[in-house]
């Protein structure tokens, strides 16, 4: 018995999967032209997360598929980073399903990696194609409605769709919507010709408290009862514990008062639709990382790439020039969350462009104060604090960049 564990914890069992998949892969690789061009990615270090790059050469090619296949048949080992990159369907294991996905990606049959296919339950007549349900690890806006859309396929007419959201810490049920078609907030349409059920719901997350949540989509049809078709863990807004201990005042001391101001700013951002908010969310996920792990420009580069899949140059001055040359600069008065704040060292005369030596991510303005999240050597890591340097005149804001993919 071969097994695949797809994303969201739903299992598919297929007889002889490993044996059959290995044979198919061998045939495909024999028939494919040897001149398949490797899909180039931004050059990366040996510890860069690039899905599909199982040999850590900074790109995805047939060499990676060979590496993964060798691991599957036991003839080669993968180190930790190779294993993470090789798990292209995000099911926490590397197997022949991942090899097949890399091959399909190289010939254009899969557009993006990681790829999470239709979630299906073994032996079930039900399946679900996710459209706008919260992704695992995602963050949504506190107090706003969020669309829940997707396609449920069923051999039999659906009887019930149930959305259950619980608080991860408390275990308490915060939303439990049971819907009969055509009634309630959730509207489902059953198409007898295609056996597809379009679910179109809008959950008002004002019903939810902030924090980490678990979501389950549970369905029943005339044959099967209470089948979990989708499951994910996501976050609603930010909670105080996420920022406490990482927010500093003007004197570079940890400040609970400043933390509450920043928390208020963060929970007003639209993580569902706004690109800048998504960049801030990615940056906030790095709070506490040491400066030795990521300096200021590396922090910004990684946050932007994770949030919107946009490649920035490596250093702060290169990023500033990139924004200038590509029309990404905006006036300081137009600053908004997720913008890049480039800072010049006024006492330096090393000849670099505008003496830019630092970059940070802008969070927002509260009570006469501008807040940024940054990686700084003076506090040895990723922290939140006021825009600094103005009082002494040693640093000034040179420019504001706004990147979008």
Protein backbone atom coordinates (compact mmCIF):
# COMPACT_ATOMS: atom_id res chain seq x y z
CA UNK A 1 0.00 0.00 0.00
CA UNK A 2 1.39 3.39 -0.94
CA UNK A 3 0.12 6.47 0.88
CA UNK A 4 0.05 10.19 0.18
CA UNK A 5 -0.77 12.67 2.91
CA UNK A 6 -2.02 15.77 1.17
CA UNK A 7 -2.25 19.20 2.74
CA UNK A 8 -4.82 19.83 5.48
CA UNK A 9 -4.27 16.39 6.99
CA UNK A 10 -6.54 14.48 4.58
CA UNK A 11 -5.30 11.06 3.48
CA UNK A 12 -5.45 9.30 0.12
CA UNK A 13 -4.54 5.62 -0.17
CA UNK A 14 -3.71 4.21 -3.55
CA UNK A 15 -2.76 0.62 -4.26
CA UNK A 16 0.83 0.22 -5.34
CA UNK A 17 1.31 3.98 -5.63
CA UNK A 18 5.06 3.97 -5.18
CA UNK A 19 5.61 1.23 -7.71
CA UNK A 20 3.25 2.69 -10.32
CA UNK A 21 4.46 6.27 -9.87
CA UNK A 22 8.11 5.27 -10.15
CA UNK A 23 7.37 3.51 -13.46
CA UNK A 24 5.47 6.54 -14.81
CA UNK A 25 8.29 8.87 -13.80
CA UNK A 26 10.85 6.69 -15.54
CA UNK A 27 8.78 6.68 -18.76
CA UNK A 28 8.23 10.45 -18.65
CA UNK A 29 11.90 11.19 -18.05
CA UNK A 30 12.89 8.87 -20.93
CA UNK A 31 10.48 10.54 -23.36
CA UNK A 32 11.13 14.13 -22.32
CA UNK A 33 13.63 16.05 -24.48
CA UNK A 34 16.96 16.33 -22.78
CA UNK A 35 16.99 20.01 -23.62
CA UNK A 36 14.30 20.93 -21.07
CA UNK A 37 15.41 24.24 -19.75
CA UNK A 38 15.76 24.56 -16.00
CA UNK A 39 13.30 26.99 -14.47
CA UNK A 40 15.48 29.77 -13.17
CA UNK A 41 14.80 31.28 -9.76
CA UNK A 42 16.49 34.07 -7.83
CA UNK A 43 20.00 32.79 -6.93
CA UNK A 44 19.90 31.50 -3.39
CA UNK A 45 22.13 30.26 -0.62
CA UNK A 46 22.22 26.66 0.48
CA UNK A 47 19.59 27.36 3.11
CA UNK A 48 17.09 29.15 0.86
CA UNK A 49 13.51 27.86 0.68
CA UNK A 50 12.90 27.20 -3.03
CA UNK A 51 10.27 24.52 -3.52
CA UNK A 52 11.52 21.88 -5.94
CA UNK A 53 15.22 22.75 -5.53
CA UNK A 54 16.21 19.43 -3.96
CA UNK A 55 19.91 19.77 -4.82
CA UNK A 56 20.23 23.36 -3.53
CA UNK A 57 21.64 24.88 -6.70
CA UNK A 58 19.21 27.81 -6.70
CA UNK A 59 16.94 26.56 -9.50
CA UNK A 60 14.43 23.82 -10.28
CA UNK A 61 15.44 21.30 -12.95
CA UNK A 62 15.35 17.61 -13.84
CA UNK A 63 18.41 17.18 -11.61
CA UNK A 64 16.17 17.89 -8.63
CA UNK A 65 13.63 15.30 -9.77
CA UNK A 66 16.46 12.75 -10.08
CA UNK A 67 17.68 13.66 -6.60
CA UNK A 68 14.21 13.19 -5.12
CA UNK A 69 13.64 9.92 -7.00
CA UNK A 70 16.96 8.58 -5.68
CA UNK A 71 15.78 9.43 -2.17
CA UNK A 72 12.46 7.64 -2.78
CA UNK A 73 14.16 4.42 -3.87
CA UNK A 74 16.62 4.56 -0.96
CA UNK A 75 19.81 5.17 -2.94
CA UNK A 76 20.39 8.71 -1.73
CA UNK A 77 19.82 10.77 1.42
CA UNK A 78 18.50 14.33 1.61
CA UNK A 79 19.67 16.86 4.14
CA UNK A 80 17.16 18.96 6.09
CA UNK A 81 16.95 21.81 3.56
CA UNK A 82 16.78 19.46 0.57
CA UNK A 83 13.94 17.60 2.27
CA UNK A 84 11.98 20.81 2.91
CA UNK A 85 12.45 22.00 -0.68
CA UNK A 86 11.53 18.57 -2.02
CA UNK A 87 8.18 18.49 -0.23
CA UNK A 88 6.43 20.32 -3.07
CA UNK A 89 2.91 19.31 -2.10
CA UNK A 90 3.41 20.43 1.52
CA UNK A 91 2.37 17.10 3.05
CA UNK A 92 5.44 16.83 5.32
CA UNK A 93 7.09 14.00 3.38
CA UNK A 94 9.04 13.51 0.15
CA UNK A 95 7.75 10.73 -2.08
CA UNK A 96 7.06 9.92 -5.71
CA UNK A 97 4.07 12.28 -5.72
CA UNK A 98 6.51 15.16 -5.19
CA UNK A 99 8.74 13.89 -8.03
CA UNK A 100 5.76 13.81 -10.38
CA UNK A 101 4.80 17.37 -9.43
CA UNK A 102 8.32 18.67 -10.15
CA UNK A 103 8.24 16.99 -13.58
CA UNK A 104 4.82 18.47 -14.32
CA UNK A 105 6.06 21.88 -13.19
CA UNK A 106 9.04 21.71 -15.57
CA UNK A 107 6.83 21.01 -18.61
CA UNK A 108 4.29 23.68 -17.64
CA UNK A 109 1.47 21.46 -16.39
CA UNK A 110 1.79 22.92 -12.89
CA UNK A 111 2.16 26.70 -12.66
CA UNK A 112 3.43 27.13 -9.10
CA UNK A 113 5.25 25.24 -6.38
CA UNK A 114 4.35 24.28 -3.73
CA UNK A 115 1.27 22.68 -5.27
CA UNK A 116 -1.57 21.42 -3.11
CA UNK A 117 -4.02 19.42 -5.19
CA UNK A 118 -7.69 18.79 -4.59
CA UNK A 119 -8.25 17.55 -1.08
CA UNK A 120 -9.90 14.13 -1.26
CA UNK A 121 -10.85 11.53 1.32
CA UNK A 122 -9.97 7.89 0.63
CA UNK A 123 -12.96 5.92 -0.60
CA UNK A 124 -15.23 8.95 -0.41
CA UNK A 125 -17.65 10.23 -3.01
CA UNK A 126 -16.87 13.78 -1.85
CA UNK A 127 -13.98 16.12 -2.66
CA UNK A 128 -13.25 19.82 -2.27
CA UNK A 129 -11.30 22.29 -4.40
CA UNK A 130 -10.21 25.23 -2.26
CA UNK A 131 -10.76 28.71 -3.61
CA UNK A 132 -10.67 31.36 -0.88
CA UNK A 133 -10.77 29.43 2.39
CA UNK A 134 -8.03 30.60 4.78
CA UNK A 135 -4.76 28.88 3.96
CA UNK A 136 -2.81 27.03 6.61
CA UNK A 137 -0.66 29.49 8.52
CA UNK A 138 -2.38 32.50 6.91
CA UNK A 139 -3.59 35.60 8.70
CA UNK A 140 -6.93 37.28 8.17
CA UNK A 141 -8.30 40.66 9.16
CA UNK A 142 -9.93 40.98 12.55
CA UNK A 143 -13.54 42.12 12.53
CA UNK A 144 -14.10 41.83 8.77
CA UNK A 145 -16.14 39.46 6.63
CA UNK A 146 -14.10 36.85 4.81
CA UNK A 147 -15.35 35.01 1.70
CA UNK A 148 -15.30 31.21 1.87
CA UNK A 149 -15.56 29.82 -1.62
CA UNK A 150 -14.78 26.54 -3.33
CA UNK A 151 -16.15 23.62 -5.30
CA UNK A 152 -17.45 20.48 -3.62
CA UNK A 153 -17.71 17.46 -5.90
CA UNK A 154 -20.12 14.71 -4.91
CA UNK A 155 -21.59 11.65 -6.57
CA UNK A 156 -24.72 12.24 -4.52
CA UNK A 157 -26.71 15.33 -3.62
CA UNK A 158 -25.31 17.15 -0.60
CA UNK A 159 -27.42 17.29 2.54
CA UNK A 160 -25.28 19.47 4.79
CA UNK A 161 -22.30 21.78 4.80
CA UNK A 162 -20.90 22.65 8.19
CA UNK A 163 -18.15 25.15 8.96
CA UNK A 164 -16.64 24.76 12.42
CA UNK A 165 -14.01 27.16 13.76
CA UNK A 166 -12.43 26.61 17.16
CA UNK A 167 -9.85 28.54 19.16
CA UNK A 168 -6.54 26.65 19.17
CA UNK A 169 -5.64 27.61 22.73
CA UNK A 170 -9.03 27.37 24.41
CA UNK A 171 -10.50 24.57 22.30
CA UNK A 172 -13.85 26.39 22.37
CA UNK A 173 -16.13 26.47 19.33
CA UNK A 174 -16.51 30.04 18.08
CA UNK A 175 -18.40 29.45 14.83
CA UNK A 176 -20.56 26.45 13.95
CA UNK A 177 -22.65 27.03 10.85
CA UNK A 178 -24.86 24.22 9.61
CA UNK A 179 -26.45 25.05 6.29
CA UNK A 180 -29.35 23.58 4.38
CA UNK A 181 -29.04 24.64 0.75
CA UNK A 182 -30.79 27.86 -0.10
CA UNK A 183 -31.07 28.98 3.52
CA UNK A 184 -28.81 30.73 5.98
CA UNK A 185 -25.67 32.76 5.33
CA UNK A 186 -24.00 29.97 3.36
CA UNK A 187 -25.47 29.39 -0.09
CA UNK A 188 -24.60 26.19 -1.99
CA UNK A 189 -25.71 25.33 -5.50
CA UNK A 190 -25.92 21.72 -6.62
CA UNK A 191 -25.42 21.14 -10.32
CA UNK A 192 -26.92 17.80 -11.35
CA UNK A 193 -25.11 17.87 -14.68
CA UNK A 194 -21.57 18.23 -13.33
CA UNK A 195 -22.08 16.91 -9.79
CA UNK A 196 -20.36 20.02 -8.52
CA UNK A 197 -21.55 22.09 -5.59
CA UNK A 198 -20.41 25.71 -5.48
CA UNK A 199 -20.12 26.90 -1.91
CA UNK A 200 -20.24 30.68 -1.49
CA UNK A 201 -20.15 31.83 2.12
CA UNK A 202 -19.11 34.92 4.03
CA UNK A 203 -18.14 34.48 7.67
CA UNK A 204 -18.12 37.61 9.79
CA UNK A 205 -14.93 37.15 11.72
CA UNK A 206 -16.05 39.76 14.21
CA UNK A 207 -17.57 36.69 15.85
CA UNK A 208 -14.04 35.45 16.42
CA UNK A 209 -11.54 36.55 19.01
CA UNK A 210 -7.99 37.35 17.87
CA UNK A 211 -5.50 34.49 17.89
CA UNK A 212 -4.91 31.14 16.22
CA UNK A 213 -7.95 29.25 14.94
CA UNK A 214 -8.72 25.79 13.55
CA UNK A 215 -11.21 25.52 10.68
CA UNK A 216 -12.98 22.41 9.41
CA UNK A 217 -15.32 22.06 6.46
CA UNK A 218 -17.58 19.08 7.17
CA UNK A 219 -20.01 17.72 4.57
CA UNK A 220 -22.67 15.04 4.34
CA UNK A 221 -24.49 13.66 1.33
CA UNK A 222 -27.18 11.00 0.97
CA UNK A 223 -24.57 8.23 1.43
CA UNK A 224 -21.83 9.60 3.70
CA UNK A 225 -22.03 11.51 6.95
CA UNK A 226 -19.70 14.14 8.44
CA UNK A 227 -16.77 13.88 6.03
CA UNK A 228 -14.00 16.42 6.79
CA UNK A 229 -13.10 17.84 3.37
CA UNK A 230 -10.90 20.73 4.45
CA UNK A 231 -8.94 21.61 7.55
CA UNK A 232 -6.54 24.46 8.28
CA UNK A 233 -5.06 26.53 11.06
CA UNK A 234 -4.94 30.29 10.59
CA UNK A 235 -4.66 33.48 12.62
CA UNK A 236 -7.11 36.30 13.18
CA UNK A 237 -5.31 39.61 13.68
CA UNK A 238 -2.52 39.81 16.26
CA UNK A 239 -2.56 39.17 19.99
CA UNK A 240 -0.55 41.06 22.61
CA UNK A 241 1.73 38.10 23.32
CA UNK A 242 2.97 38.16 19.71
CA UNK A 243 4.40 41.68 20.04
CA UNK A 244 5.12 42.00 23.77
CA UNK A 245 8.84 41.92 24.45
CA UNK A 246 9.68 43.02 20.92
CA UNK A 247 8.51 46.67 20.98
CA UNK A 248 10.98 49.31 22.16
CA UNK A 249 10.53 52.95 23.11
CA UNK A 250 12.74 55.92 22.28
CA UNK A 251 15.27 54.84 24.89
CA UNK A 252 15.48 51.34 23.42
CA UNK A 253 13.74 49.76 26.41
CA UNK A 254 10.94 47.19 26.07
CA UNK A 255 7.69 49.13 26.39
CA UNK A 256 4.24 47.60 27.11
CA UNK A 257 2.67 50.99 26.34
CA UNK A 258 4.28 51.14 22.91
CA UNK A 259 3.34 47.49 22.31
CA UNK A 260 -0.36 48.27 22.78
CA UNK A 261 -0.13 51.16 20.32
CA UNK A 262 1.52 48.92 17.75
CA UNK A 263 -1.04 46.17 18.37
CA UNK A 264 -3.83 48.63 17.62
CA UNK A 265 -2.12 49.57 14.34
CA UNK A 266 -1.60 45.94 13.35
CA UNK A 267 -5.21 44.96 13.97
CA UNK A 268 -6.47 47.72 11.70
CA UNK A 269 -4.61 46.34 8.67
CA UNK A 270 -6.40 44.37 5.95
CA UNK A 271 -4.48 41.08 5.75
CA UNK A 272 -7.12 39.65 3.43
CA UNK A 273 -6.67 42.08 0.53
CA UNK A 274 -3.85 44.57 1.16
CA UNK A 275 -0.38 43.74 -0.19
CA UNK A 276 1.39 45.97 2.33
CA UNK A 277 -0.39 44.27 5.23
CA UNK A 278 0.74 40.88 3.92
CA UNK A 279 4.36 42.11 3.84
CA UNK A 280 4.03 43.30 7.45
CA UNK A 281 2.53 39.94 8.47
CA UNK A 282 5.54 38.15 6.96
CA UNK A 283 7.91 40.51 8.73
CA UNK A 284 6.13 40.09 12.06
CA UNK A 285 6.66 36.35 11.75
CA UNK A 286 10.40 37.01 12.14
CA UNK A 287 10.24 38.94 15.42
CA UNK A 288 13.04 37.82 17.72
CA UNK A 289 15.29 36.46 14.96
CA UNK A 290 18.91 37.43 15.63
CA UNK A 291 20.76 40.01 13.56
CA UNK A 292 23.35 37.35 12.78
CA UNK A 293 20.64 35.28 11.10
CA UNK A 294 19.32 38.15 9.00
CA UNK A 295 20.54 41.72 8.78
CA UNK A 296 18.24 44.62 7.87
CA UNK A 297 18.18 44.11 4.10
CA UNK A 298 17.93 40.32 4.33
CA UNK A 299 14.96 40.71 6.68
CA UNK A 300 13.18 42.98 4.20
CA UNK A 301 14.12 40.80 1.23
CA UNK A 302 12.73 37.63 2.84
CA UNK A 303 9.56 39.33 4.12
CA UNK A 304 8.69 40.73 0.69
CA UNK A 305 9.45 37.45 -1.07
CA UNK A 306 7.36 35.39 1.34
CA UNK A 307 4.42 37.79 1.18
CA UNK A 308 4.15 38.54 -2.54
CA UNK A 309 6.79 36.37 -4.27
CA UNK A 310 8.75 39.46 -5.32
CA UNK A 311 12.55 39.42 -5.60
CA UNK A 312 14.54 42.33 -4.16
CA UNK A 313 18.33 42.83 -4.35
CA UNK A 314 20.41 41.80 -1.33
CA UNK A 315 21.70 45.02 0.29
CA UNK A 316 19.88 48.13 1.51
CA UNK A 317 21.58 50.46 -0.97
CA UNK A 318 20.87 48.03 -3.84
CA UNK A 319 17.22 47.90 -2.78
CA UNK A 320 17.04 51.71 -2.66
CA UNK A 321 18.53 51.99 -6.16
CA UNK A 322 16.20 49.24 -7.41
CA UNK A 323 13.16 51.15 -6.15
CA UNK A 324 14.43 54.41 -7.68
CA UNK A 325 15.25 52.85 -11.06
CA UNK A 326 11.92 50.98 -11.30
CA UNK A 327 9.57 53.74 -10.20
CA UNK A 328 8.75 52.25 -6.79
CA UNK A 329 9.52 55.36 -4.73
CA UNK A 330 6.68 57.33 -3.08
CA UNK A 331 6.62 60.57 -1.10
CA UNK A 332 7.14 60.33 2.64
CA UNK A 333 3.68 61.83 3.21
CA UNK A 334 2.18 58.89 1.30
CA UNK A 335 3.81 56.22 3.48
CA UNK A 336 1.71 53.22 4.44
CA UNK A 337 2.07 49.77 5.99
CA UNK A 338 4.48 47.48 4.16
CA UNK A 339 6.51 50.29 2.57
CA UNK A 340 10.32 50.10 2.63
CA UNK A 341 11.98 52.83 4.72
CA UNK A 342 15.51 53.62 3.48
CA UNK A 343 17.72 55.47 5.96
CA UNK A 344 20.90 57.47 5.34
CA UNK A 345 23.82 57.79 7.74
CA UNK A 346 24.53 61.53 7.83
CA UNK A 347 28.03 61.27 9.23
CA UNK A 348 29.20 58.79 6.57
CA UNK A 349 31.03 59.70 3.38
CA UNK A 350 31.79 56.31 1.86
CA UNK A 351 30.44 57.27 -1.56
CA UNK A 352 27.51 54.88 -1.80
CA UNK A 353 24.16 56.08 -3.18
CA UNK A 354 22.74 58.70 -0.75
CA UNK A 355 24.76 56.98 2.00
CA UNK A 356 21.89 54.49 2.46
CA UNK A 357 22.97 52.03 5.17
CA UNK A 358 19.68 50.74 6.58
CA UNK A 359 16.20 49.59 5.51
CA UNK A 360 13.09 48.75 7.53
CA UNK A 361 9.39 48.00 6.99
CA UNK A 362 6.88 50.71 7.85
CA UNK A 363 3.98 49.69 10.14
CA UNK A 364 2.01 52.88 10.74
CA UNK A 365 1.51 56.16 12.57
CA UNK A 366 -0.02 56.52 16.04
CA UNK A 367 -0.04 59.40 18.55
CA UNK A 368 2.53 61.38 16.60
CA UNK A 369 4.89 58.42 16.19
CA UNK A 370 5.97 56.40 13.14
CA UNK A 371 6.59 52.70 13.87
CA UNK A 372 8.77 50.31 11.90
CA UNK A 373 9.73 46.65 12.12
CA UNK A 374 13.39 46.03 11.36
CA UNK A 375 16.46 43.93 11.99
CA UNK A 376 19.00 46.03 13.84
CA UNK A 377 22.48 45.32 15.20
CA UNK A 378 22.00 47.65 18.18
CA UNK A 379 19.26 45.39 19.58
CA UNK A 380 20.64 42.22 17.95
CA UNK A 381 17.59 41.14 16.03
CA UNK A 382 14.17 41.82 14.57
CA UNK A 383 12.25 44.33 16.68
CA UNK A 384 9.58 47.02 16.47
CA UNK A 385 10.36 50.60 17.41
CA UNK A 386 9.98 54.22 16.39
CA UNK A 387 11.79 55.61 13.39
CA UNK A 388 15.02 56.60 15.06
CA UNK A 389 18.06 58.82 14.51
CA UNK A 390 16.23 62.13 14.02
CA UNK A 391 16.93 63.47 17.52
CA UNK A 392 20.69 63.23 17.13
CA UNK A 393 20.68 63.96 13.41
CA UNK A 394 22.91 60.95 12.74
CA UNK A 395 20.31 59.19 10.61
CA UNK A 396 17.55 60.50 8.34
CA UNK A 397 14.89 58.88 6.18
CA UNK A 398 16.21 59.06 2.62
CA UNK A 399 13.26 57.61 0.71
CA UNK A 400 10.19 55.35 0.85
CA UNK A 401 9.79 52.38 -1.50
CA UNK A 402 6.55 50.56 -2.30
CA UNK A 403 6.99 47.27 -4.17
CA UNK A 404 4.14 45.31 -5.69
CA UNK A 405 4.14 42.20 -7.87
